Amino acid sequence: MNRKILIISTVALAIDQITKVIATIFLKLNQSVQIIPAFFNFTLVHNEGAAWGLFSNAKIVIAIGTLIALVLIYHFIYCFK
């Protein structure tokens, strides 16, 4: 695997997880903090489903979709070298 892609992905994942922890510590659920007036706010919300709350009551569908995606990614990375 390309080392540069691995490093960038790892840094992006770390930043994502750190900002989620910070938001959970400093914000209450549905609380907004204004960053740039009338333009940019941070709001703590919880999403139980996939993007935009899709399949929020179908966790098995998300798990199966994730498994299929992982198999396809593995196939494309290691079978097409």
PDB file of N, CA and C in Angstrom:
ATOM      1  N   MET A   1       0.847  -1.180   0.000  1.00  0.00           N
ATOM      2  CA  MET A   1       0.000   0.000   0.000  1.00  0.00           C
ATOM      3  C   MET A   1       0.890   1.240   0.000  1.00  0.00           C
ATOM      4  N   ASN A   2       0.432   2.251  -0.674  1.00  0.00           N
ATOM      5  CA  ASN A   2       1.182   3.492  -0.745  1.00  0.00           C
ATOM      6  C   ASN A   2       1.297   4.098   0.661  1.00  0.00           C
ATOM      7  N   ARG A   3       2.521   4.293   1.117  1.00  0.00           N
ATOM      8  CA  ARG A   3       2.777   4.784   2.477  1.00  0.00           C
ATOM      9  C   ARG A   3       2.184   6.181   2.696  1.00  0.00           C
ATOM     10  N   LYS A   4       2.219   7.030   1.681  1.00  0.00           N
ATOM     11  CA  LYS A   4       1.682   8.390   1.807  1.00  0.00           C
ATOM     12  C   LYS A   4       0.170   8.363   2.058  1.00  0.00           C
ATOM     13  N   ILE A   5      -0.537   7.497   1.351  1.00  0.00           N
ATOM     14  CA  ILE A   5      -1.981   7.370   1.544  1.00  0.00           C
ATOM     15  C   ILE A   5      -2.288   6.860   2.945  1.00  0.00           C
ATOM     16  N   LEU A   6      -1.522   5.902   3.416  1.00  0.00           N
ATOM     17  CA  LEU A   6      -1.711   5.363   4.759  1.00  0.00           C
ATOM     18  C   LEU A   6      -1.502   6.433   5.825  1.00  0.00           C
ATOM     19  N   ILE A   7      -0.471   7.248   5.673  1.00  0.00           N
ATOM     20  CA  ILE A   7      -0.193   8.318   6.648  1.00  0.00           C
ATOM     21  C   ILE A   7      -1.306   9.359   6.634  1.00  0.00           C
ATOM     22  N   ILE A   8      -1.720   9.794   5.451  1.00  0.00           N
ATOM     23  CA  ILE A   8      -2.786  10.801   5.347  1.00  0.00           C
ATOM     24  C   ILE A   8      -4.085  10.263   5.938  1.00  0.00           C
ATOM     25  N   SER A   9      -4.408   9.010   5.640  1.00  0.00           N
ATOM     26  CA  SER A   9      -5.636   8.404   6.171  1.00  0.00           C
ATOM     27  C   SER A   9      -5.590   8.300   7.692  1.00  0.00           C
ATOM     28  N   THR A  10      -4.458   7.919   8.231  1.00  0.00           N
ATOM     29  CA  THR A  10      -4.304   7.790   9.676  1.00  0.00           C
ATOM     30  C   THR A  10      -4.432   9.142  10.368  1.00  0.00           C
ATOM     31  N   VAL A  11      -3.816  10.166   9.811  1.00  0.00           N
ATOM     32  CA  VAL A  11      -3.909  11.513  10.382  1.00  0.00           C
ATOM     33  C   VAL A  11      -5.353  12.018  10.319  1.00  0.00           C
ATOM     34  N   ALA A  12      -6.024  11.803   9.192  1.00  0.00           N
ATOM     35  CA  ALA A  12      -7.418  12.236   9.053  1.00  0.00           C
ATOM     36  C   ALA A  12      -8.316  11.524  10.060  1.00  0.00           C
ATOM     37  N   LEU A  13      -8.117  10.226  10.234  1.00  0.00           N
ATOM     38  CA  LEU A  13      -8.901   9.464  11.204  1.00  0.00           C
ATOM     39  C   LEU A  13      -8.641   9.960  12.623  1.00  0.00           C
ATOM     40  N   ALA A  14      -7.378  10.234  12.953  1.00  0.00           N
ATOM     41  CA  ALA A  14      -7.036  10.726  14.290  1.00  0.00           C
ATOM     42  C   ALA A  14      -7.685  12.083  14.549  1.00  0.00           C
ATOM     43  N   ILE A  15      -7.615  12.990  13.586  1.00  0.00           N
ATOM     44  CA  ILE A  15      -8.236  14.311  13.745  1.00  0.00           C
ATOM     45  C   ILE A  15      -9.744  14.168  13.930  1.00  0.00           C
ATOM     46  N   ASP A  16     -10.368  13.302  13.149  1.00  0.00           N
ATOM     47  CA  ASP A  16     -11.806  13.062  13.254  1.00  0.00           C
ATOM     48  C   ASP A  16     -12.181  12.579  14.652  1.00  0.00           C
ATOM     49  N   GLN A  17     -11.462  11.592  15.151  1.00  0.00           N
ATOM     50  CA  GLN A  17     -11.782  11.035  16.454  1.00  0.00           C
ATOM     51  C   GLN A  17     -11.507  12.021  17.586  1.00  0.00           C
ATOM     52  N   ILE A  18     -10.435  12.789  17.488  1.00  0.00           N
ATOM     53  CA  ILE A  18     -10.105  13.783  18.511  1.00  0.00           C
ATOM     54  C   ILE A  18     -11.170  14.870  18.566  1.00  0.00           C
ATOM     55  N   THR A  19     -11.619  15.360  17.413  1.00  0.00           N
ATOM     56  CA  THR A  19     -12.651  16.405  17.409  1.00  0.00           C
ATOM     57  C   THR A  19     -13.974  15.874  17.950  1.00  0.00           C
ATOM     58  N   LYS A  20     -14.273  14.599  17.737  1.00  0.00           N
ATOM     59  CA  LYS A  20     -15.499  14.022  18.300  1.00  0.00           C
ATOM     60  C   LYS A  20     -15.419  13.959  19.823  1.00  0.00           C
ATOM     61  N   VAL A  21     -14.269  13.592  20.347  1.00  0.00           N
ATOM     62  CA  VAL A  21     -14.094  13.552  21.808  1.00  0.00           C
ATOM     63  C   VAL A  21     -14.203  14.956  22.392  1.00  0.00           C
ATOM     64  N   ILE A  22     -13.569  15.923  21.753  1.00  0.00           N
ATOM     65  CA  ILE A  22     -13.632  17.314  22.227  1.00  0.00           C
ATOM     66  C   ILE A  22     -15.073  17.818  22.218  1.00  0.00           C
ATOM     67  N   ALA A  23     -15.804  17.543  21.143  1.00  0.00           N
ATOM     68  CA  ALA A  23     -17.206  17.973  21.061  1.00  0.00           C
ATOM     69  C   ALA A  23     -18.040  17.327  22.167  1.00  0.00           C
ATOM     70  N   THR A  24     -17.807  16.055  22.427  1.00  0.00           N
ATOM     71  CA  THR A  24     -18.560  15.354  23.462  1.00  0.00           C
ATOM     72  C   THR A  24     -18.265  15.917  24.848  1.00  0.00           C
ATOM     73  N   ILE A  25     -17.032  16.334  25.083  1.00  0.00           N
ATOM     74  CA  ILE A  25     -16.655  16.892  26.386  1.00  0.00           C
ATOM     75  C   ILE A  25     -17.247  18.284  26.598  1.00  0.00           C
ATOM     76  N   PHE A  26     -17.178  19.132  25.580  1.00  0.00           N
ATOM     77  CA  PHE A  26     -17.517  20.545  25.768  1.00  0.00           C
ATOM     78  C   PHE A  26     -18.932  20.938  25.347  1.00  0.00           C
ATOM     79  N   LEU A  27     -19.638  20.095  24.602  1.00  0.00           N
ATOM     80  CA  LEU A  27     -20.988  20.449  24.162  1.00  0.00           C
ATOM     81  C   LEU A  27     -22.015  19.489  24.733  1.00  0.00           C
ATOM     82  N   LYS A  28     -23.200  20.000  24.970  1.00  0.00           N
ATOM     83  CA  LYS A  28     -24.323  19.157  25.358  1.00  0.00           C
ATOM     84  C   LYS A  28     -25.088  18.806  24.084  1.00  0.00           C
ATOM     85  N   LEU A  29     -25.868  17.739  24.145  1.00  0.00           N
ATOM     86  CA  LEU A  29     -26.634  17.305  22.993  1.00  0.00           C
ATOM     87  C   LEU A  29     -27.503  18.429  22.445  1.00  0.00           C
ATOM     88  N   ASN A  30     -27.424  18.660  21.155  1.00  0.00           N
ATOM     89  CA  ASN A  30     -28.157  19.701  20.411  1.00  0.00           C
ATOM     90  C   ASN A  30     -27.741  21.128  20.776  1.00  0.00           C
ATOM     91  N   GLN A  31     -26.659  21.292  21.494  1.00  0.00           N
ATOM     92  CA  GLN A  31     -26.142  22.624  21.809  1.00  0.00           C
ATOM     93  C   GLN A  31     -25.293  23.113  20.641  1.00  0.00           C
ATOM     94  N   SER A  32     -25.444  24.375  20.283  1.00  0.00           N
ATOM     95  CA  SER A  32     -24.661  24.976  19.207  1.00  0.00           C
ATOM     96  C   SER A  32     -23.682  25.993  19.755  1.00  0.00           C
ATOM     97  N   VAL A  33     -22.528  26.065  19.116  1.00  0.00           N
ATOM     98  CA  VAL A  33     -21.532  27.079  19.425  1.00  0.00           C
ATOM     99  C   VAL A  33     -21.253  27.829  18.129  1.00  0.00           C
ATOM    100  N   GLN A  34     -21.426  29.139  18.179  1.00  0.00           N
ATOM    101  CA  GLN A  34     -21.238  29.964  16.981  1.00  0.00           C
ATOM    102  C   GLN A  34     -19.751  30.232  16.775  1.00  0.00           C
ATOM    103  N   ILE A  35     -19.248  29.882  15.602  1.00  0.00           N
ATOM    104  CA  ILE A  35     -17.848  30.105  15.258  1.00  0.00           C
ATOM    105  C   ILE A  35     -17.707  31.379  14.437  1.00  0.00           C
ATOM    106  N   ILE A  36     -18.454  31.469  13.346  1.00  0.00           N
ATOM    107  CA  ILE A  36     -18.518  32.675  12.514  1.00  0.00           C
ATOM    108  C   ILE A  36     -19.985  33.094  12.480  1.00  0.00           C
ATOM    109  N   PRO A  37     -20.315  34.255  13.035  1.00  0.00           N
ATOM    110  CA  PRO A  37     -21.713  34.674  13.153  1.00  0.00           C
ATOM    111  C   PRO A  37     -22.486  34.572  11.828  1.00  0.00           C
ATOM    112  N   ALA A  38     -23.685  33.983  11.925  1.00  0.00           N
ATOM    113  CA  ALA A  38     -24.615  33.814  10.800  1.00  0.00           C
ATOM    114  C   ALA A  38     -24.021  33.011   9.647  1.00  0.00           C
ATOM    115  N   PHE A  39     -22.969  32.219   9.930  1.00  0.00           N
ATOM    116  CA  PHE A  39     -22.351  31.448   8.851  1.00  0.00           C
ATOM    117  C   PHE A  39     -21.938  30.042   9.278  1.00  0.00           C
ATOM    118  N   PHE A  40     -21.264  29.888  10.434  1.00  0.00           N
ATOM    119  CA  PHE A  40     -20.663  28.610  10.788  1.00  0.00           C
ATOM    120  C   PHE A  40     -20.846  28.324  12.270  1.00  0.00           C
ATOM    121  N   ASN A  41     -21.544  27.224  12.586  1.00  0.00           N
ATOM    122  CA  ASN A  41     -21.783  26.791  13.964  1.00  0.00           C
ATOM    123  C   ASN A  41     -21.352  25.335  14.126  1.00  0.00           C
ATOM    124  N   PHE A  42     -20.957  24.971  15.356  1.00  0.00           N
ATOM    125  CA  PHE A  42     -20.782  23.577  15.723  1.00  0.00           C
ATOM    126  C   PHE A  42     -21.993  23.184  16.550  1.00  0.00           C
ATOM    127  N   THR A  43     -22.606  22.036  16.230  1.00  0.00           N
ATOM    128  CA  THR A  43     -23.741  21.519  16.983  1.00  0.00           C
ATOM    129  C   THR A  43     -23.515  20.044  17.238  1.00  0.00           C
ATOM    130  N   LEU A  44     -23.668  19.614  18.494  1.00  0.00           N
ATOM    131  CA  LEU A  44     -23.502  18.211  18.831  1.00  0.00           C
ATOM    132  C   LEU A  44     -24.810  17.473  18.579  1.00  0.00           C
ATOM    133  N   VAL A  45     -24.766  16.517  17.666  1.00  0.00           N
ATOM    134  CA  VAL A  45     -25.901  15.636  17.388  1.00  0.00           C
ATOM    135  C   VAL A  45     -25.383  14.210  17.305  1.00  0.00           C
ATOM    136  N   HIS A  46     -26.261  13.253  17.480  1.00  0.00           N
ATOM    137  CA  HIS A  46     -25.887  11.845  17.362  1.00  0.00           C
ATOM    138  C   HIS A  46     -26.641  11.244  16.187  1.00  0.00           C
ATOM    139  N   ASN A  47     -25.936  10.549  15.320  1.00  0.00           N
ATOM    140  CA  ASN A  47     -26.512   9.913  14.152  1.00  0.00           C
ATOM    141  C   ASN A  47     -26.401   8.408  14.341  1.00  0.00           C
ATOM    142  N   GLU A  48     -27.511   7.741  14.489  1.00  0.00           N
ATOM    143  CA  GLU A  48     -27.518   6.303  14.735  1.00  0.00           C
ATOM    144  C   GLU A  48     -27.435   5.481  13.456  1.00  0.00           C
ATOM    145  N   GLY A  49     -27.580   6.112  12.310  1.00  0.00           N
ATOM    146  CA  GLY A  49     -27.579   5.371  11.053  1.00  0.00           C
ATOM    147  C   GLY A  49     -26.366   5.695  10.217  1.00  0.00           C
ATOM    148  N   ALA A  50     -26.542   5.578   8.926  1.00  0.00           N
ATOM    149  CA  ALA A  50     -25.477   5.920   7.981  1.00  0.00           C
ATOM    150  C   ALA A  50     -25.581   7.418   7.694  1.00  0.00           C
ATOM    151  N   ALA A  51     -25.077   7.843   6.572  1.00  0.00           N
ATOM    152  CA  ALA A  51     -25.094   9.265   6.218  1.00  0.00           C
ATOM    153  C   ALA A  51     -26.513   9.825   6.278  1.00  0.00           C
ATOM    154  N   TRP A  52     -26.654  10.957   6.914  1.00  0.00           N
ATOM    155  CA  TRP A  52     -27.911  11.687   7.057  1.00  0.00           C
ATOM    156  C   TRP A  52     -29.002  10.862   7.725  1.00  0.00           C
ATOM    157  N   GLY A  53     -28.616   9.893   8.561  1.00  0.00           N
ATOM    158  CA  GLY A  53     -29.582   9.108   9.305  1.00  0.00           C
ATOM    159  C   GLY A  53     -30.231   7.978   8.530  1.00  0.00           C
ATOM    160  N   LEU A  54     -29.739   7.681   7.339  1.00  0.00           N
ATOM    161  CA  LEU A  54     -30.307   6.584   6.561  1.00  0.00           C
ATOM    162  C   LEU A  54     -30.113   5.267   7.300  1.00  0.00           C
ATOM    163  N   PHE A  55     -31.091   4.391   7.229  1.00  0.00           N
ATOM    164  CA  PHE A  55     -31.050   3.068   7.846  1.00  0.00           C
ATOM    165  C   PHE A  55     -30.842   3.136   9.353  1.00  0.00           C
ATOM    166  N   SER A  56     -31.373   4.148  10.017  1.00  0.00           N
ATOM    167  CA  SER A  56     -31.148   4.297  11.452  1.00  0.00           C
ATOM    168  C   SER A  56     -31.738   3.142  12.262  1.00  0.00           C
ATOM    169  N   ASN A  57     -32.730   2.470  11.733  1.00  0.00           N
ATOM    170  CA  ASN A  57     -33.320   1.328  12.443  1.00  0.00           C
ATOM    171  C   ASN A  57     -32.914   0.001  11.819  1.00  0.00           C
ATOM    172  N   ALA A  58     -31.891   0.003  10.988  1.00  0.00           N
ATOM    173  CA  ALA A  58     -31.475  -1.211  10.284  1.00  0.00           C
ATOM    174  C   ALA A  58     -29.964  -1.388  10.394  1.00  0.00           C
ATOM    175  N   LYS A  59     -29.488  -1.578  11.603  1.00  0.00           N
ATOM    176  CA  LYS A  59     -28.040  -1.713  11.821  1.00  0.00           C
ATOM    177  C   LYS A  59     -27.459  -2.920  11.096  1.00  0.00           C
ATOM    178  N   ILE A  60     -28.234  -3.987  10.914  1.00  0.00           N
ATOM    179  CA  ILE A  60     -27.738  -5.166  10.209  1.00  0.00           C
ATOM    180  C   ILE A  60     -27.464  -4.840   8.744  1.00  0.00           C
ATOM    181  N   VAL A  61     -28.284  -3.982   8.152  1.00  0.00           N
ATOM    182  CA  VAL A  61     -28.064  -3.572   6.763  1.00  0.00           C
ATOM    183  C   VAL A  61     -26.748  -2.803   6.651  1.00  0.00           C
ATOM    184  N   ILE A  62     -26.483  -1.930   7.597  1.00  0.00           N
ATOM    185  CA  ILE A  62     -25.226  -1.174   7.603  1.00  0.00           C
ATOM    186  C   ILE A  62     -24.043  -2.128   7.800  1.00  0.00           C
ATOM    187  N   ALA A  63     -24.171  -3.095   8.693  1.00  0.00           N
ATOM    188  CA  ALA A  63     -23.086  -4.054   8.931  1.00  0.00           C
ATOM    189  C   ALA A  63     -22.800  -4.887   7.683  1.00  0.00           C
ATOM    190  N   ILE A  64     -23.831  -5.355   7.020  1.00  0.00           N
ATOM    191  CA  ILE A  64     -23.644  -6.145   5.796  1.00  0.00           C
ATOM    192  C   ILE A  64     -23.030  -5.286   4.695  1.00  0.00           C
ATOM    193  N   GLY A  65     -23.504  -4.052   4.553  1.00  0.00           N
ATOM    194  CA  GLY A  65     -22.937  -3.139   3.564  1.00  0.00           C
ATOM    195  C   GLY A  65     -21.470  -2.849   3.824  1.00  0.00           C
ATOM    196  N   THR A  66     -21.123  -2.687   5.094  1.00  0.00           N
ATOM    197  CA  THR A  66     -19.728  -2.451   5.469  1.00  0.00           C
ATOM    198  C   THR A  66     -18.861  -3.659   5.130  1.00  0.00           C
ATOM    199  N   LEU A  67     -19.352  -4.844   5.428  1.00  0.00           N
ATOM    200  CA  LEU A  67     -18.615  -6.069   5.118  1.00  0.00           C
ATOM    201  C   LEU A  67     -18.398  -6.213   3.610  1.00  0.00           C
ATOM    202  N   ILE A  68     -19.424  -5.951   2.825  1.00  0.00           N
ATOM    203  CA  ILE A  68     -19.295  -6.017   1.362  1.00  0.00           C
ATOM    204  C   ILE A  68     -18.275  -4.997   0.872  1.00  0.00           C
ATOM    205  N   ALA A  69     -18.330  -3.778   1.408  1.00  0.00           N
ATOM    206  CA  ALA A  69     -17.376  -2.739   1.008  1.00  0.00           C
ATOM    207  C   ALA A  69     -15.944  -3.139   1.344  1.00  0.00           C
ATOM    208  N   LEU A  70     -15.725  -3.723   2.527  1.00  0.00           N
ATOM    209  CA  LEU A  70     -14.379  -4.153   2.910  1.00  0.00           C
ATOM    210  C   LEU A  70     -13.853  -5.257   2.001  1.00  0.00           C
ATOM    211  N   VAL A  71     -14.714  -6.201   1.643  1.00  0.00           N
ATOM    212  CA  VAL A  71     -14.305  -7.272   0.730  1.00  0.00           C
ATOM    213  C   VAL A  71     -13.945  -6.699  -0.634  1.00  0.00           C
ATOM    214  N   LEU A  72     -14.745  -5.764  -1.136  1.00  0.00           N
ATOM    215  CA  LEU A  72     -14.455  -5.137  -2.430  1.00  0.00           C
ATOM    216  C   LEU A  72     -13.154  -4.335  -2.397  1.00  0.00           C
ATOM    217  N   ILE A  73     -12.930  -3.598  -1.315  1.00  0.00           N
ATOM    218  CA  ILE A  73     -11.689  -2.827  -1.194  1.00  0.00           C
ATOM    219  C   ILE A  73     -10.488  -3.764  -1.174  1.00  0.00           C
ATOM    220  N   TYR A  74     -10.578  -4.830  -0.384  1.00  0.00           N
ATOM    221  CA  TYR A  74      -9.495  -5.815  -0.343  1.00  0.00           C
ATOM    222  C   TYR A  74      -9.246  -6.384  -1.736  1.00  0.00           C
ATOM    223  N   HIS A  75     -10.322  -6.747  -2.411  1.00  0.00           N
ATOM    224  CA  HIS A  75     -10.205  -7.329  -3.750  1.00  0.00           C
ATOM    225  C   HIS A  75      -9.500  -6.364  -4.710  1.00  0.00           C
ATOM    226  N   PHE A  76      -9.897  -5.107  -4.719  1.00  0.00           N
ATOM    227  CA  PHE A  76      -9.303  -4.134  -5.639  1.00  0.00           C
ATOM    228  C   PHE A  76      -7.851  -3.814  -5.299  1.00  0.00           C
ATOM    229  N   ILE A  77      -7.522  -3.791  -4.001  1.00  0.00           N
ATOM    230  CA  ILE A  77      -6.156  -3.463  -3.610  1.00  0.00           C
ATOM    231  C   ILE A  77      -5.197  -4.618  -3.885  1.00  0.00           C
ATOM    232  N   TYR A  78      -5.585  -5.832  -3.500  1.00  0.00           N
ATOM    233  CA  TYR A  78      -4.639  -6.942  -3.544  1.00  0.00           C
ATOM    234  C   TYR A  78      -4.754  -7.825  -4.777  1.00  0.00           C
ATOM    235  N   CYS A  79      -5.874  -7.786  -5.462  1.00  0.00           N
ATOM    236  CA  CYS A  79      -6.033  -8.657  -6.636  1.00  0.00           C
ATOM    237  C   CYS A  79      -5.668  -7.969  -7.942  1.00  0.00           C
ATOM    238  N   PHE A  80      -5.552  -6.670  -7.951  1.00  0.00           N
ATOM    239  CA  PHE A  80      -5.226  -5.937  -9.171  1.00  0.00           C
ATOM    240  C   PHE A  80      -3.875  -5.280  -9.102  1.00  0.00           C
ATOM    241  N   LYS A  81      -2.912  -5.913  -8.445  1.00  0.00           N
ATOM    242  CA  LYS A  81      -1.550  -5.362  -8.362  1.00  0.00           C
ATOM    243  C   LYS A  81      -0.838  -5.542  -9.677  1.00  0.00           C
TER     244      LYS A  81
END
